[in-house]
N, C-alpha and C. Protein backbone atom coordinates (compact mmCIF):
# COMPACT_ATOMS: atom_id res chain seq x y z
N UNK A 1 26.00 -75.68 20.28
CA UNK A 1 26.19 -77.12 20.32
C UNK A 1 26.99 -77.45 21.57
N UNK A 2 26.90 -78.69 21.96
CA UNK A 2 27.56 -79.04 23.21
C UNK A 2 28.88 -79.75 23.00
N UNK A 3 29.57 -79.91 24.08
CA UNK A 3 30.91 -80.50 24.08
C UNK A 3 30.91 -81.91 23.49
N UNK A 4 29.89 -82.69 23.82
CA UNK A 4 29.82 -84.07 23.34
C UNK A 4 29.72 -84.14 21.82
N UNK A 5 29.02 -83.20 21.24
CA UNK A 5 28.90 -83.16 19.78
C UNK A 5 30.27 -82.99 19.13
N UNK A 6 31.01 -82.01 19.62
CA UNK A 6 32.33 -81.74 19.04
C UNK A 6 33.30 -82.89 19.30
N UNK A 7 33.16 -83.54 20.45
CA UNK A 7 33.99 -84.72 20.73
C UNK A 7 33.67 -85.85 19.77
N UNK A 8 32.38 -86.04 19.48
CA UNK A 8 31.98 -87.09 18.54
C UNK A 8 32.53 -86.82 17.14
N UNK A 9 32.49 -85.57 16.71
CA UNK A 9 33.03 -85.21 15.40
C UNK A 9 34.54 -85.45 15.39
N UNK A 10 35.22 -85.09 16.45
CA UNK A 10 36.67 -85.30 16.53
C UNK A 10 37.01 -86.79 16.48
N UNK A 11 36.20 -87.61 17.13
CA UNK A 11 36.43 -89.06 17.12
C UNK A 11 36.23 -89.61 15.71
N UNK A 12 35.16 -89.17 15.03
CA UNK A 12 34.93 -89.64 13.66
C UNK A 12 36.06 -89.20 12.74
N UNK A 13 36.54 -87.99 12.95
CA UNK A 13 37.65 -87.50 12.13
C UNK A 13 38.88 -88.37 12.35
N UNK A 14 39.17 -88.69 13.59
CA UNK A 14 40.36 -89.47 13.92
C UNK A 14 40.23 -90.93 13.48
N UNK A 15 39.09 -91.55 13.80
CA UNK A 15 38.93 -92.98 13.54
C UNK A 15 38.59 -93.30 12.09
N UNK A 16 37.81 -92.44 11.46
CA UNK A 16 37.36 -92.72 10.09
C UNK A 16 38.10 -91.91 9.04
N UNK A 17 38.88 -90.93 9.47
CA UNK A 17 39.64 -90.12 8.52
C UNK A 17 38.79 -89.13 7.73
N UNK A 18 37.62 -88.80 8.27
CA UNK A 18 36.73 -87.84 7.61
C UNK A 18 37.01 -86.46 8.19
N UNK A 19 37.36 -85.49 7.36
CA UNK A 19 37.66 -84.15 7.88
C UNK A 19 36.47 -83.55 8.64
N UNK A 20 36.76 -82.91 9.75
CA UNK A 20 35.71 -82.32 10.58
C UNK A 20 34.90 -81.29 9.80
N UNK A 21 35.56 -80.47 9.00
CA UNK A 21 34.83 -79.46 8.23
C UNK A 21 33.82 -80.09 7.28
N UNK A 22 34.17 -81.23 6.70
CA UNK A 22 33.25 -81.95 5.82
C UNK A 22 32.03 -82.42 6.61
N UNK A 23 32.28 -82.97 7.80
CA UNK A 23 31.18 -83.43 8.64
C UNK A 23 30.27 -82.28 9.04
N UNK A 24 30.86 -81.15 9.44
CA UNK A 24 30.06 -79.98 9.82
C UNK A 24 29.20 -79.51 8.65
N UNK A 25 29.77 -79.51 7.46
CA UNK A 25 29.03 -79.08 6.27
C UNK A 25 27.84 -79.99 6.01
N UNK A 26 28.06 -81.29 6.10
CA UNK A 26 26.99 -82.26 5.85
C UNK A 26 25.90 -82.17 6.91
N UNK A 27 26.30 -81.98 8.16
CA UNK A 27 25.32 -81.82 9.25
C UNK A 27 24.51 -80.55 9.04
N UNK A 28 25.17 -79.48 8.67
CA UNK A 28 24.48 -78.21 8.42
C UNK A 28 23.46 -78.37 7.29
N UNK A 29 23.87 -79.02 6.22
CA UNK A 29 22.96 -79.24 5.09
C UNK A 29 21.75 -80.08 5.50
N UNK A 30 21.98 -81.09 6.33
CA UNK A 30 20.88 -81.94 6.79
C UNK A 30 19.89 -81.15 7.64
N UNK A 31 20.40 -80.26 8.47
CA UNK A 31 19.52 -79.42 9.30
C UNK A 31 18.69 -78.50 8.42
N UNK A 32 19.30 -77.91 7.40
CA UNK A 32 18.57 -77.02 6.49
C UNK A 32 17.46 -77.79 5.79
N UNK A 33 17.76 -78.99 5.30
CA UNK A 33 16.75 -79.80 4.63
C UNK A 33 15.61 -80.13 5.58
N UNK A 34 15.93 -80.50 6.81
CA UNK A 34 14.90 -80.84 7.79
C UNK A 34 14.01 -79.65 8.11
N UNK A 35 14.60 -78.47 8.25
CA UNK A 35 13.81 -77.27 8.55
C UNK A 35 12.91 -76.92 7.37
N UNK A 36 13.44 -76.98 6.17
CA UNK A 36 12.62 -76.69 4.99
C UNK A 36 11.47 -77.68 4.87
N UNK A 37 11.73 -78.94 5.18
CA UNK A 37 10.67 -79.95 5.14
C UNK A 37 9.60 -79.64 6.17
N UNK A 38 10.01 -79.23 7.35
CA UNK A 38 9.08 -78.90 8.43
C UNK A 38 8.20 -77.71 8.07
N UNK A 39 8.75 -76.76 7.32
CA UNK A 39 8.03 -75.55 6.96
C UNK A 39 7.56 -75.58 5.51
N UNK A 40 7.30 -76.77 4.99
CA UNK A 40 6.74 -76.97 3.64
C UNK A 40 7.53 -76.27 2.55
N UNK A 41 8.84 -76.36 2.63
CA UNK A 41 9.70 -75.84 1.58
C UNK A 41 9.95 -74.35 1.62
N UNK A 42 9.39 -73.67 2.60
CA UNK A 42 9.60 -72.23 2.70
C UNK A 42 11.03 -71.95 3.14
N UNK A 43 11.60 -70.91 2.59
CA UNK A 43 12.96 -70.53 2.93
C UNK A 43 12.94 -69.67 4.20
N UNK A 44 12.96 -70.32 5.35
CA UNK A 44 12.85 -69.61 6.63
C UNK A 44 14.20 -69.37 7.29
N UNK A 45 15.23 -69.82 6.65
CA UNK A 45 16.57 -69.69 7.24
C UNK A 45 17.26 -68.48 6.68
């Protein structure tokens, strides 16, 4: 991931009070769902 991504997460953590680890977890889950959808539900991860 790039520097801008981590900066955006840090800004959301600071401005919205959402813990960075929570954001990373939710982003990771969203990526897993998107990949499974792309591969017709196959567990490719």
